[in-house]
């Protein structure tokens, strides 16, 4: 394996046997866009997690409401038959 200096080299670059980052990697790193991309990906994951937590809360509330609604349906059916 080649010796790597203190330059910023990604693991896939090393795996491919190259010592210098690709043009795409160099551009993203030099212009700071890599952190923007990582930030956007992080925001998407946070949004997904928050959405799932919201759905879980709503599901829990609806599950608690099922017995009350079933009792109300039974009550209305009993009144209809009487």
N, C-alpha and C. Protein backbone atom coordinates (compact mmCIF):
# COMPACT_ATOMS: atom_id res chain seq x y z
N UNK A 1 0.86 -1.18 0.00
CA UNK A 1 0.00 0.00 0.00
C UNK A 1 0.90 1.23 0.00
N UNK A 2 0.57 2.22 -0.82
CA UNK A 2 1.41 3.41 -0.89
C UNK A 2 1.33 4.23 0.39
N UNK A 3 2.37 4.94 0.66
CA UNK A 3 2.40 5.82 1.82
C UNK A 3 1.53 7.04 1.54
N UNK A 4 0.77 7.45 2.53
CA UNK A 4 -0.14 8.58 2.38
C UNK A 4 0.39 9.72 3.23
N UNK A 5 0.50 10.89 2.62
CA UNK A 5 0.95 12.05 3.37
C UNK A 5 -0.22 12.63 4.14
N UNK A 6 -0.05 13.81 4.69
CA UNK A 6 -1.10 14.43 5.49
C UNK A 6 -2.15 15.13 4.65
N UNK A 7 -2.28 14.78 3.40
CA UNK A 7 -3.31 15.39 2.56
C UNK A 7 -4.63 14.70 2.79
N UNK A 8 -5.70 15.36 2.39
CA UNK A 8 -7.04 14.83 2.56
C UNK A 8 -7.32 13.83 1.45
N UNK A 9 -7.35 12.56 1.80
CA UNK A 9 -7.58 11.50 0.83
C UNK A 9 -8.71 10.63 1.35
N UNK A 10 -9.70 10.37 0.51
CA UNK A 10 -10.82 9.55 0.95
C UNK A 10 -10.48 8.07 0.87
N UNK A 11 -11.25 7.26 1.60
CA UNK A 11 -10.99 5.82 1.62
C UNK A 11 -11.19 5.20 0.26
N UNK A 12 -12.20 5.65 -0.48
CA UNK A 12 -12.41 5.05 -1.80
C UNK A 12 -11.28 5.41 -2.75
N UNK A 13 -10.66 6.56 -2.53
CA UNK A 13 -9.50 6.93 -3.33
C UNK A 13 -8.36 5.97 -3.05
N UNK A 14 -8.15 5.66 -1.78
CA UNK A 14 -7.09 4.71 -1.42
C UNK A 14 -7.40 3.32 -1.96
N UNK A 15 -8.66 2.92 -1.87
CA UNK A 15 -9.05 1.59 -2.35
C UNK A 15 -8.83 1.47 -3.85
N UNK A 16 -9.00 2.57 -4.56
CA UNK A 16 -8.80 2.54 -6.01
C UNK A 16 -7.32 2.62 -6.37
N UNK A 17 -6.48 2.83 -5.37
CA UNK A 17 -5.04 2.89 -5.64
C UNK A 17 -4.53 4.25 -6.03
N UNK A 18 -5.36 5.28 -5.90
CA UNK A 18 -4.94 6.64 -6.24
C UNK A 18 -4.54 7.37 -4.98
N UNK A 19 -3.60 8.27 -5.10
CA UNK A 19 -3.20 9.07 -3.95
C UNK A 19 -3.89 10.43 -3.93
N UNK A 20 -4.26 10.93 -5.08
CA UNK A 20 -4.89 12.25 -5.14
C UNK A 20 -6.40 12.08 -5.26
N UNK A 21 -7.16 12.98 -4.66
CA UNK A 21 -8.62 12.90 -4.81
C UNK A 21 -9.02 13.14 -6.26
N UNK A 22 -10.17 12.61 -6.63
CA UNK A 22 -10.66 12.83 -7.99
C UNK A 22 -11.01 14.30 -8.17
N UNK A 23 -11.28 14.66 -9.41
CA UNK A 23 -11.62 16.06 -9.70
C UNK A 23 -12.90 16.46 -8.98
N UNK A 24 -13.86 15.56 -8.94
CA UNK A 24 -15.12 15.84 -8.25
C UNK A 24 -14.88 16.06 -6.76
N UNK A 25 -14.10 15.15 -6.15
CA UNK A 25 -13.79 15.29 -4.72
C UNK A 25 -13.04 16.58 -4.44
N UNK A 26 -12.09 16.89 -5.28
CA UNK A 26 -11.28 18.10 -5.09
C UNK A 26 -12.15 19.34 -5.18
N UNK A 27 -13.06 19.36 -6.15
CA UNK A 27 -13.95 20.52 -6.31
C UNK A 27 -14.87 20.66 -5.12
N UNK A 28 -15.48 19.56 -4.69
CA UNK A 28 -16.40 19.61 -3.57
C UNK A 28 -15.69 20.05 -2.29
N UNK A 29 -14.49 19.55 -2.08
CA UNK A 29 -13.76 19.90 -0.88
C UNK A 29 -13.23 21.33 -0.93
N UNK A 30 -12.71 21.73 -2.08
CA UNK A 30 -12.10 23.06 -2.17
C UNK A 30 -13.14 24.17 -2.06
N UNK A 31 -14.32 23.95 -2.59
CA UNK A 31 -15.35 24.98 -2.56
C UNK A 31 -16.28 24.86 -1.36
N UNK A 32 -16.05 23.88 -0.50
CA UNK A 32 -16.86 23.72 0.69
C UNK A 32 -18.25 23.16 0.43
N UNK A 33 -18.48 22.66 -0.77
CA UNK A 33 -19.81 22.14 -1.11
C UNK A 33 -20.07 20.78 -0.49
N UNK A 34 -19.02 20.07 -0.17
CA UNK A 34 -19.20 18.76 0.44
C UNK A 34 -19.97 18.88 1.74
N UNK A 35 -19.68 19.90 2.51
CA UNK A 35 -20.37 20.10 3.78
C UNK A 35 -21.83 20.50 3.56
N UNK A 36 -22.09 21.18 2.47
CA UNK A 36 -23.48 21.53 2.14
C UNK A 36 -24.25 20.26 1.81
N UNK A 37 -23.64 19.38 1.02
CA UNK A 37 -24.29 18.11 0.67
C UNK A 37 -24.53 17.28 1.92
N UNK A 38 -23.52 17.19 2.79
CA UNK A 38 -23.68 16.43 4.02
C UNK A 38 -24.76 17.04 4.92
N UNK A 39 -24.83 18.36 4.94
CA UNK A 39 -25.86 19.03 5.72
C UNK A 39 -27.26 18.74 5.20
N UNK A 40 -27.41 18.73 3.89
CA UNK A 40 -28.71 18.43 3.28
C UNK A 40 -29.11 16.99 3.57
N UNK A 41 -28.16 16.07 3.45
CA UNK A 41 -28.45 14.66 3.75
C UNK A 41 -28.85 14.52 5.22
N UNK A 42 -28.14 15.20 6.10
CA UNK A 42 -28.48 15.15 7.52
C UNK A 42 -29.89 15.69 7.77
N UNK A 43 -30.23 16.80 7.12
CA UNK A 43 -31.57 17.38 7.27
C UNK A 43 -32.65 16.41 6.78
N UNK A 44 -32.38 15.73 5.68
CA UNK A 44 -33.35 14.76 5.16
C UNK A 44 -33.56 13.64 6.16
N UNK A 45 -32.48 13.11 6.75
CA UNK A 45 -32.62 12.03 7.74
C UNK A 45 -33.34 12.51 8.99
N UNK A 46 -33.04 13.72 9.44
CA UNK A 46 -33.73 14.27 10.61
C UNK A 46 -35.22 14.41 10.30
N UNK A 47 -35.54 14.87 9.09
CA UNK A 47 -36.94 14.99 8.69
C UNK A 47 -37.66 13.65 8.67
N UNK A 48 -36.98 12.63 8.17
CA UNK A 48 -37.58 11.29 8.14
C UNK A 48 -37.84 10.79 9.55
N UNK A 49 -36.87 10.96 10.44
CA UNK A 49 -37.03 10.50 11.83
C UNK A 49 -38.16 11.25 12.51
N UNK A 50 -38.22 12.57 12.33
CA UNK A 50 -39.30 13.35 12.94
C UNK A 50 -40.67 12.95 12.39
N UNK A 51 -40.73 12.68 11.10
CA UNK A 51 -41.99 12.24 10.49
C UNK A 51 -42.42 10.90 11.07
N UNK A 52 -41.48 9.97 11.23
CA UNK A 52 -41.82 8.66 11.80
C UNK A 52 -42.27 8.79 13.26
N UNK A 53 -41.62 9.67 14.01
CA UNK A 53 -42.05 9.88 15.39
C UNK A 53 -43.46 10.47 15.44
N UNK A 54 -43.74 11.39 14.54
CA UNK A 54 -45.08 11.99 14.46
C UNK A 54 -46.12 10.92 14.12
N UNK A 55 -45.82 10.06 13.16
CA UNK A 55 -46.74 8.99 12.80
C UNK A 55 -46.97 8.03 13.96
N UNK A 56 -45.89 7.72 14.70
CA UNK A 56 -46.02 6.83 15.85
C UNK A 56 -46.95 7.43 16.90
N UNK A 57 -46.82 8.72 17.14
CA UNK A 57 -47.66 9.39 18.13
C UNK A 57 -49.13 9.37 17.70
N UNK A 58 -49.37 9.66 16.42
CA UNK A 58 -50.75 9.65 15.93
C UNK A 58 -51.34 8.25 15.99
N UNK A 59 -50.54 7.25 15.67
CA UNK A 59 -51.01 5.87 15.73
C UNK A 59 -51.38 5.49 17.16
N UNK A 60 -50.55 5.89 18.11
CA UNK A 60 -50.81 5.59 19.52
C UNK A 60 -52.12 6.24 19.96
N UNK A 61 -52.36 7.48 19.55
CA UNK A 61 -53.60 8.16 19.90
C UNK A 61 -54.82 7.47 19.28
N UNK A 62 -54.69 7.06 18.04
CA UNK A 62 -55.81 6.37 17.38
C UNK A 62 -56.07 5.00 18.01
N UNK A 63 -55.01 4.31 18.40
CA UNK A 63 -55.19 3.00 19.05
C UNK A 63 -55.91 3.16 20.39
N UNK A 64 -55.64 4.24 21.09
CA UNK A 64 -56.33 4.49 22.36
C UNK A 64 -57.80 4.83 22.14
N UNK A 65 -58.12 5.38 20.99
CA UNK A 65 -59.48 5.83 20.70
C UNK A 65 -60.37 4.68 20.20
N UNK A 66 -59.80 3.59 19.72
CA UNK A 66 -60.57 2.48 19.16
C UNK A 66 -61.60 1.92 20.15
N UNK A 67 -61.22 1.60 21.40
CA UNK A 67 -62.24 1.05 22.32
C UNK A 67 -63.41 2.02 22.56
N UNK A 68 -63.11 3.31 22.65
CA UNK A 68 -64.18 4.30 22.87
C UNK A 68 -65.12 4.32 21.67
N UNK A 69 -64.58 4.28 20.47
CA UNK A 69 -65.41 4.29 19.27
C UNK A 69 -66.22 3.00 19.13
N UNK A 70 -65.61 1.88 19.49
CA UNK A 70 -66.35 0.61 19.43
C UNK A 70 -67.52 0.63 20.42
N UNK A 71 -67.29 1.19 21.60
CA UNK A 71 -68.37 1.28 22.59
C UNK A 71 -69.49 2.19 22.07
N UNK A 72 -69.10 3.27 21.42
CA UNK A 72 -70.11 4.19 20.88
C UNK A 72 -70.91 3.53 19.77
N UNK A 73 -70.24 2.74 18.92
CA UNK A 73 -70.93 2.03 17.85
C UNK A 73 -71.92 1.04 18.44
N UNK A 74 -71.48 0.31 19.46
CA UNK A 74 -72.36 -0.65 20.12
C UNK A 74 -73.57 0.04 20.73
N UNK A 75 -73.32 1.18 21.34
CA UNK A 75 -74.41 1.96 21.94
C UNK A 75 -75.42 2.41 20.90
N UNK A 76 -74.94 2.90 19.78
CA UNK A 76 -75.82 3.38 18.71
C UNK A 76 -76.59 2.22 18.11
N UNK A 77 -75.93 1.08 17.92
CA UNK A 77 -76.63 -0.10 17.38
C UNK A 77 -77.72 -0.59 18.35
N UNK A 78 -77.40 -0.56 19.64
CA UNK A 78 -78.41 -0.99 20.64
C UNK A 78 -79.62 -0.06 20.60
N UNK A 79 -79.39 1.24 20.47
CA UNK A 79 -80.49 2.20 20.42
C UNK A 79 -81.30 2.00 19.13
N UNK A 80 -80.64 1.62 18.07
CA UNK A 80 -81.34 1.43 16.80
C UNK A 80 -82.24 0.20 16.84
N UNK A 81 -81.85 -0.82 17.56
CA UNK A 81 -82.65 -2.04 17.62
C UNK A 81 -83.77 -1.95 18.67
N UNK A 82 -83.70 -0.98 19.56
CA UNK A 82 -84.72 -0.85 20.61
C UNK A 82 -85.84 0.02 20.21
